[in-house]
Protein backbone atom coordinates (compact mmCIF):
# COMPACT_ATOMS: atom_id res chain seq x y z
CA UNK A 1 -47.61 56.43 39.44
CA UNK A 2 -48.92 52.55 38.81
CA UNK A 3 -47.95 52.81 35.29
CA UNK A 4 -44.67 54.45 36.05
CA UNK A 5 -43.79 51.91 38.32
CA UNK A 6 -44.63 49.11 35.91
CA UNK A 7 -42.37 50.49 33.03
CA UNK A 8 -39.71 51.07 35.70
CA UNK A 9 -40.07 47.47 36.89
CA UNK A 10 -39.89 46.21 33.12
CA UNK A 11 -37.05 48.29 32.16
CA UNK A 12 -35.31 47.00 35.23
CA UNK A 13 -36.08 43.40 34.27
CA UNK A 14 -34.76 43.92 30.64
CA UNK A 15 -31.52 45.41 32.27
CA UNK A 16 -31.10 42.61 34.46
CA UNK A 17 -31.71 40.10 31.62
CA UNK A 18 -29.18 41.84 29.41
CA UNK A 19 -26.56 41.69 32.54
CA UNK A 20 -27.35 38.18 33.18
CA UNK A 21 -26.50 37.61 29.23
CA UNK A 22 -23.63 39.67 29.08
CA UNK A 23 -22.35 37.62 32.31
CA UNK A 24 -23.01 34.37 30.71
CA UNK A 25 -21.28 35.58 27.64
CA UNK A 26 -18.33 36.85 29.74
CA UNK A 27 -17.99 33.73 31.60
CA UNK A 28 -18.29 31.38 28.24
CA UNK A 29 -15.18 33.74 26.73
CA UNK A 30 -13.18 32.99 29.91
CA UNK A 31 -13.92 29.49 30.45
CA UNK A 32 -13.60 28.24 26.97
CA UNK A 33 -11.36 25.42 26.33
CA UNK A 34 -10.24 27.04 22.58
CA UNK A 35 -8.59 30.13 22.74
CA UNK A 36 -10.45 33.20 21.80
CA UNK A 37 -9.27 36.50 20.79
CA UNK A 38 -11.04 39.75 20.09
CA UNK A 39 -9.10 42.13 17.62
CA UNK A 40 -9.38 45.53 15.63
CA UNK A 41 -9.92 45.85 12.04
CA UNK A 42 -5.96 46.78 11.97
CA UNK A 43 -5.42 43.48 13.72
CA UNK A 44 -4.41 45.12 17.25
CA UNK A 45 -5.84 42.65 19.77
CA UNK A 46 -8.46 43.93 22.06
CA UNK A 47 -9.14 41.22 24.49
CA UNK A 48 -8.04 37.23 24.90
CA UNK A 49 -9.41 34.64 27.16
CA UNK A 50 -7.15 32.41 29.26
CA UNK A 51 -7.14 29.38 26.96
CA UNK A 52 -5.53 31.78 24.22
CA UNK A 53 -3.15 33.41 26.73
CA UNK A 54 -1.94 29.62 27.98
CA UNK A 55 -1.56 28.54 24.23
CA UNK A 56 0.93 31.43 23.18
CA UNK A 57 2.59 31.81 26.39
CA UNK A 58 1.48 35.49 27.16
CA UNK A 59 -0.72 37.20 30.04
CA UNK A 60 -3.79 38.86 29.01
CA UNK A 61 -2.26 42.31 29.76
CA UNK A 62 0.72 41.53 27.75
CA UNK A 63 -1.30 40.54 24.45
CA UNK A 64 -3.83 43.40 24.61
CA UNK A 65 -2.36 46.24 21.93
CA UNK A 66 -0.11 43.34 20.53
CA UNK A 67 -0.57 42.98 16.45
CA UNK A 68 -1.95 39.63 16.36
CA UNK A 69 0.27 39.01 13.26
CA UNK A 70 3.26 38.57 16.02
CA UNK A 71 1.40 35.05 17.08
CA UNK A 72 1.69 33.85 13.47
CA UNK A 73 4.11 31.21 12.17
CA UNK A 74 3.71 33.07 8.74
CA UNK A 75 3.51 36.86 8.89
CA UNK A 76 1.71 36.93 5.50
CA UNK A 77 -0.63 34.46 6.15
CA UNK A 78 -3.95 36.97 6.43
CA UNK A 79 -3.08 38.60 2.96
CA UNK A 80 -2.00 35.09 1.33
CA UNK A 81 -5.52 33.64 2.43
CA UNK A 82 -7.51 37.18 1.53
CA UNK A 83 -9.05 36.95 5.09
CA UNK A 84 -10.38 40.30 4.97
CA UNK A 85 -12.28 39.69 1.63
CA UNK A 86 -14.02 36.53 3.45
CA UNK A 87 -14.98 38.38 6.33
CA UNK A 88 -16.29 41.28 4.32
CA UNK A 89 -18.69 38.80 2.54
CA UNK A 90 -20.08 38.27 5.66
CA UNK A 91 -18.81 34.82 5.84
CA UNK A 92 -16.77 33.09 8.42
CA UNK A 93 -13.01 32.42 7.49
CA UNK A 94 -11.66 29.14 8.50
CA UNK A 95 -8.15 27.60 7.93
CA UNK A 96 -5.24 25.91 9.41
CA UNK A 97 -1.89 27.75 9.98
CA UNK A 98 1.19 27.79 12.03
CA UNK A 99 1.28 29.90 15.34
CA UNK A 100 4.15 31.10 17.26
CA UNK A 101 4.40 31.08 21.06
CA UNK A 102 6.40 33.21 23.39
CA UNK A 103 9.53 31.38 23.19
CA UNK A 104 9.39 31.28 19.40
CA UNK A 105 8.53 27.83 18.96
CA UNK A 106 5.76 26.97 16.33
CA UNK A 107 2.52 24.60 16.53
CA UNK A 108 -0.28 24.02 14.24
CA UNK A 109 -3.98 25.44 14.76
CA UNK A 110 -7.26 25.78 13.36
CA UNK A 111 -8.70 29.20 13.11
CA UNK A 112 -12.40 30.55 12.40
CA UNK A 113 -12.71 34.32 12.28
CA UNK A 114 -15.77 36.30 12.25
CA UNK A 115 -16.37 40.05 11.64
CA UNK A 116 -18.59 41.29 14.90
CA UNK A 117 -21.03 44.00 14.52
CA UNK A 118 -18.82 46.66 16.23
CA UNK A 119 -16.37 46.12 13.54
CA UNK A 120 -14.17 44.05 15.51
CA UNK A 121 -13.00 40.48 14.60
CA UNK A 122 -13.44 37.57 17.00
CA UNK A 123 -11.04 34.73 16.48
CA UNK A 124 -11.45 30.85 17.79
CA UNK A 125 -8.38 29.19 17.78
CA UNK A 126 -7.60 25.41 18.66
CA UNK A 127 -4.51 23.60 18.78
CA UNK A 128 -4.43 20.78 16.38
CA UNK A 129 -0.64 19.73 16.97
CA UNK A 130 -1.64 16.31 18.51
CA UNK A 131 -4.02 15.77 16.08
CA UNK A 132 -1.97 16.08 13.28
CA UNK A 133 0.71 13.85 14.87
CA UNK A 134 -1.69 11.21 15.26
CA UNK A 135 -2.99 11.42 11.64
CA UNK A 136 0.80 11.24 10.66
CA UNK A 137 1.44 8.50 12.58
CA UNK A 138 -1.87 6.78 10.99
CA UNK A 139 -0.76 7.52 7.50
CA UNK A 140 2.61 6.22 7.92
CA UNK A 141 1.17 2.71 9.15
CA UNK A 142 -1.53 3.03 6.24
CA UNK A 143 1.81 3.39 3.97
CA UNK A 144 3.61 0.60 5.82
CA UNK A 145 0.66 -1.88 5.35
CA UNK A 146 0.70 -0.96 1.64
CA UNK A 147 4.34 -1.53 1.46
CA UNK A 148 3.69 -4.85 2.81
CA UNK A 149 1.21 -5.92 0.19
CA UNK A 150 3.25 -4.55 -2.57
CA UNK A 151 6.46 -6.49 -1.14
CA UNK A 152 5.63 -10.00 -2.89
CA UNK A 153 5.19 -8.16 -6.20
CA UNK A 154 8.20 -5.86 -5.86
CA UNK A 155 10.24 -8.92 -5.17
CA UNK A 156 8.96 -10.59 -8.36
CA UNK A 157 9.82 -7.59 -10.35
CA UNK A 158 13.48 -6.93 -8.63
CA UNK A 159 14.25 -10.83 -9.14
CA UNK A 160 13.44 -10.93 -12.81
CA UNK A 161 16.01 -8.16 -13.80
CA UNK A 162 18.27 -9.36 -11.42
CA UNK A 163 18.57 -12.88 -13.16
CA UNK A 164 18.66 -10.79 -16.23
CA UNK A 165 21.79 -9.11 -15.02
CA UNK A 166 23.20 -12.33 -13.44
CA UNK A 167 22.45 -14.23 -17.15
CA UNK A 168 24.24 -11.14 -19.00
CA UNK A 169 27.63 -11.61 -17.07
CA UNK A 170 27.72 -15.12 -17.84
CA UNK A 171 27.49 -14.53 -21.13
CA UNK A 172 30.03 -11.68 -21.02
CA UNK A 173 32.31 -14.01 -19.15
CA UNK A 174 32.01 -16.55 -21.98
CA UNK A 175 32.30 -13.87 -24.90
CA UNK A 176 35.68 -12.75 -23.29
CA UNK A 177 36.89 -16.43 -23.75
CA UNK A 178 36.16 -16.44 -27.18
CA UNK A 179 37.45 -12.56 -27.73
CA UNK A 180 34.01 -11.76 -29.07
CA UNK A 181 33.76 -7.88 -28.70
CA UNK A 182 30.25 -7.71 -30.20
CA UNK A 183 28.66 -9.86 -27.84
CA UNK A 184 30.48 -8.33 -24.89
CA UNK A 185 28.50 -5.16 -26.04
CA UNK A 186 25.39 -6.77 -26.22
CA UNK A 187 25.61 -8.78 -22.99
CA UNK A 188 26.65 -5.38 -21.14
CA UNK A 189 23.35 -3.38 -22.87
CA UNK A 190 20.99 -6.27 -21.34
CA UNK A 191 22.85 -6.03 -17.92
CA UNK A 192 22.46 -2.26 -17.85
CA UNK A 193 18.91 -2.62 -18.81
CA UNK A 194 18.12 -4.81 -15.82
CA UNK A 195 20.19 -2.84 -13.18
CA UNK A 196 18.14 0.22 -14.52
CA UNK A 197 15.03 -1.55 -13.79
CA UNK A 198 16.13 -2.56 -10.32
CA UNK A 199 17.13 0.96 -9.66
CA UNK A 200 13.96 2.37 -10.83
CA UNK A 201 12.21 -0.07 -8.44
CA UNK A 202 14.32 0.73 -5.74
CA UNK A 203 14.18 4.44 -6.02
CA UNK A 204 10.04 4.19 -6.51
CA UNK A 205 9.83 2.20 -3.17
CA UNK A 206 12.23 4.59 -1.17
CA UNK A 207 10.06 7.38 -2.08
CA UNK A 208 6.77 5.90 -1.58
CA UNK A 209 8.05 4.93 2.15
CA UNK A 210 9.30 8.18 3.01
CA UNK A 211 8.63 11.90 1.83
CA UNK A 212 7.51 15.46 2.78
CA UNK A 213 4.23 15.35 4.30
CA UNK A 214 3.41 18.93 3.88
CA UNK A 215 5.03 20.25 1.03
CA UNK A 216 2.73 21.59 -1.56
CA UNK A 217 4.27 22.15 -4.76
CA UNK A 218 4.07 21.23 -8.60
CA UNK A 219 3.63 17.75 -9.24
CA UNK A 220 4.33 16.10 -12.74
CA UNK A 221 1.56 13.58 -12.87
CA UNK A 222 3.27 11.42 -15.85
CA UNK A 223 6.27 10.89 -13.32
CA UNK A 224 4.21 10.35 -10.30
CA UNK A 225 1.86 7.78 -11.94
CA UNK A 226 4.60 6.10 -13.66
CA UNK A 227 6.48 5.39 -10.38
CA UNK A 228 2.84 4.20 -8.89
CA UNK A 229 2.69 1.70 -11.64
CA UNK A 230 6.04 0.69 -11.29
CA UNK A 231 5.61 -0.25 -7.92
CA UNK A 232 2.22 -2.04 -8.32
CA UNK A 233 3.32 -3.61 -11.89
CA UNK A 234 4.07 -6.85 -9.86
CA UNK A 235 1.08 -7.32 -8.37
CA UNK A 236 -1.36 -6.16 -11.33
CA UNK A 237 0.26 -7.77 -14.49
CA UNK A 238 -1.01 -11.14 -13.57
CA UNK A 239 -4.50 -9.82 -13.49
CA UNK A 240 -4.94 -6.99 -16.29
CA UNK A 241 -3.23 -4.96 -18.44
CA UNK A 242 -1.75 -1.39 -17.64
CA UNK A 243 -2.86 1.01 -19.97
CA UNK A 244 -1.50 4.60 -19.63
CA UNK A 245 -3.40 7.97 -21.50
CA UNK A 246 -1.29 10.67 -20.22
CA UNK A 247 -2.97 14.00 -21.75
CA UNK A 248 -2.14 16.56 -18.77
CA UNK A 249 0.10 19.10 -19.97
CA UNK A 250 0.18 21.03 -16.49
CA UNK A 251 1.51 19.89 -13.36
CA UNK A 252 -0.81 19.59 -10.26
CA UNK A 253 -0.64 21.71 -7.32
CA UNK A 254 -0.29 19.03 -4.35
CA UNK A 255 1.74 16.96 -2.25
CA UNK A 256 3.76 14.74 -4.37
CA UNK A 257 4.09 12.03 -1.62
CA UNK A 258 0.45 11.66 -0.54
CA UNK A 259 -0.58 12.28 -3.99
CA UNK A 260 1.54 8.99 -5.10
CA UNK A 261 0.01 7.01 -2.00
CA UNK A 262 -3.51 8.01 -3.30
CA UNK A 263 -2.33 6.51 -6.62
CA UNK A 264 -0.44 3.29 -5.80
CA UNK A 265 -3.64 2.47 -3.29
CA UNK A 266 -5.92 2.77 -5.98
CA UNK A 267 -3.58 0.50 -8.40
CA UNK A 268 -3.58 -2.05 -5.58
CA UNK A 269 -7.48 -2.05 -5.11
CA UNK A 270 -7.73 -2.26 -8.60
CA UNK A 271 -5.77 -5.61 -8.71
CA UNK A 272 -7.66 -6.78 -5.53
CA UNK A 273 -10.86 -6.39 -7.28
CA UNK A 274 -9.77 -8.62 -10.19
CA UNK A 275 -8.99 -12.54 -10.21
CA UNK A 276 -5.65 -13.54 -11.00
CA UNK A 277 -4.95 -15.21 -14.57
CA UNK A 278 -7.05 -13.20 -16.64
CA UNK A 279 -4.69 -10.50 -17.91
CA UNK A 280 -5.53 -10.82 -21.49
CA UNK A 281 -9.27 -9.88 -20.90
CA UNK A 282 -8.77 -7.20 -18.35
CA UNK A 283 -7.35 -3.75 -18.18
CA UNK A 284 -6.83 -1.04 -16.03
CA UNK A 285 -6.52 2.45 -17.76
CA UNK A 286 -4.85 5.24 -15.92
CA UNK A 287 -5.63 8.60 -17.59
CA UNK A 288 -4.70 12.13 -16.76
CA UNK A 289 -6.42 15.40 -18.61
CA UNK A 290 -6.24 19.10 -18.16
CA UNK A 291 -9.55 20.65 -16.81
CA UNK A 292 -11.69 22.20 -19.42
C-alpha cells in the first residue's frame, strides 16, 4: 500500500509538472510579442495568438479554419520558396514576404516556420515594415552623402564638355561667316559629342539618386559598371587610370539600383585610398567574369 501510494504520488507529481509546462507554454504562446500561428500540413490554420490576430485584423475564431495563404500578399510564396522541402529536411524555413491585413493592405514580415512532431507547422511572424522604412531612409541618406562627395568631380566632368560645346558653336558661327560647310560639320560633330557626354553624366547621376529599391531583375553588369565609372571618373582620374576588363556574358540577378550604389561606393573608396597627382603610376581595375 505504501509503494502504491509512492507510485501514485510520483504519477501525480509528473502530471502536475507536465501541466505546469503546458500552462507556461500556453502563456508564452498567448502573450508573445511576435505573431504565432499553428497550421496543418494542408495550410489550414489551427490556432493563432493575440499578436498574430492583431497583425492581420482578425479574431482567433475567424482565423481558425482559414487557409494561411489568404494572409499572404504573394499567394504562390510557399511553392516558390519550396517551404515544404525545407521543412521535410528537418530545417527551419526563414524568409521575408508580404503579408495581407483584413482590409486588403499589405505589410512586410519576417517569418520562421518549423515542422512539429505532430505533423503541424508552427510559424513565428514579425512585422518589419518600420524597420524596412528606417533602412530605406538610411540608404537614401547614404546615397545623398555619396552624391555630395561626387558633386565636385561631376561638376568638373560637365564643365569640360560644356566648354567644348560652347567653343564648337563659336567655331560654327565663324565657319558660317566664311561659308565653310566642312568646318560647320566638324564643329557640329564636336558639339554633339560634348552634349552626349553631358547627357550621359546627367542620366547616370539621376539613376544613382533614385530607383526601385526592391525590384530584383536581370542586371547588365557592363552597363551598370560603365555608369558607375562615368559618375566617379572626375574623382578618380587625377589619382589613377581606370582599366576595365568585362568578361561576364550573363546578366546578374540583383537590384540594379543597389548594385550600382555598391559599385560607386567602391570606386569612391578606391579614390580616397589613393593620393592625388600619381595617375600615371596607379591603376583601378574593374573586372567581371562568369562564375566557373
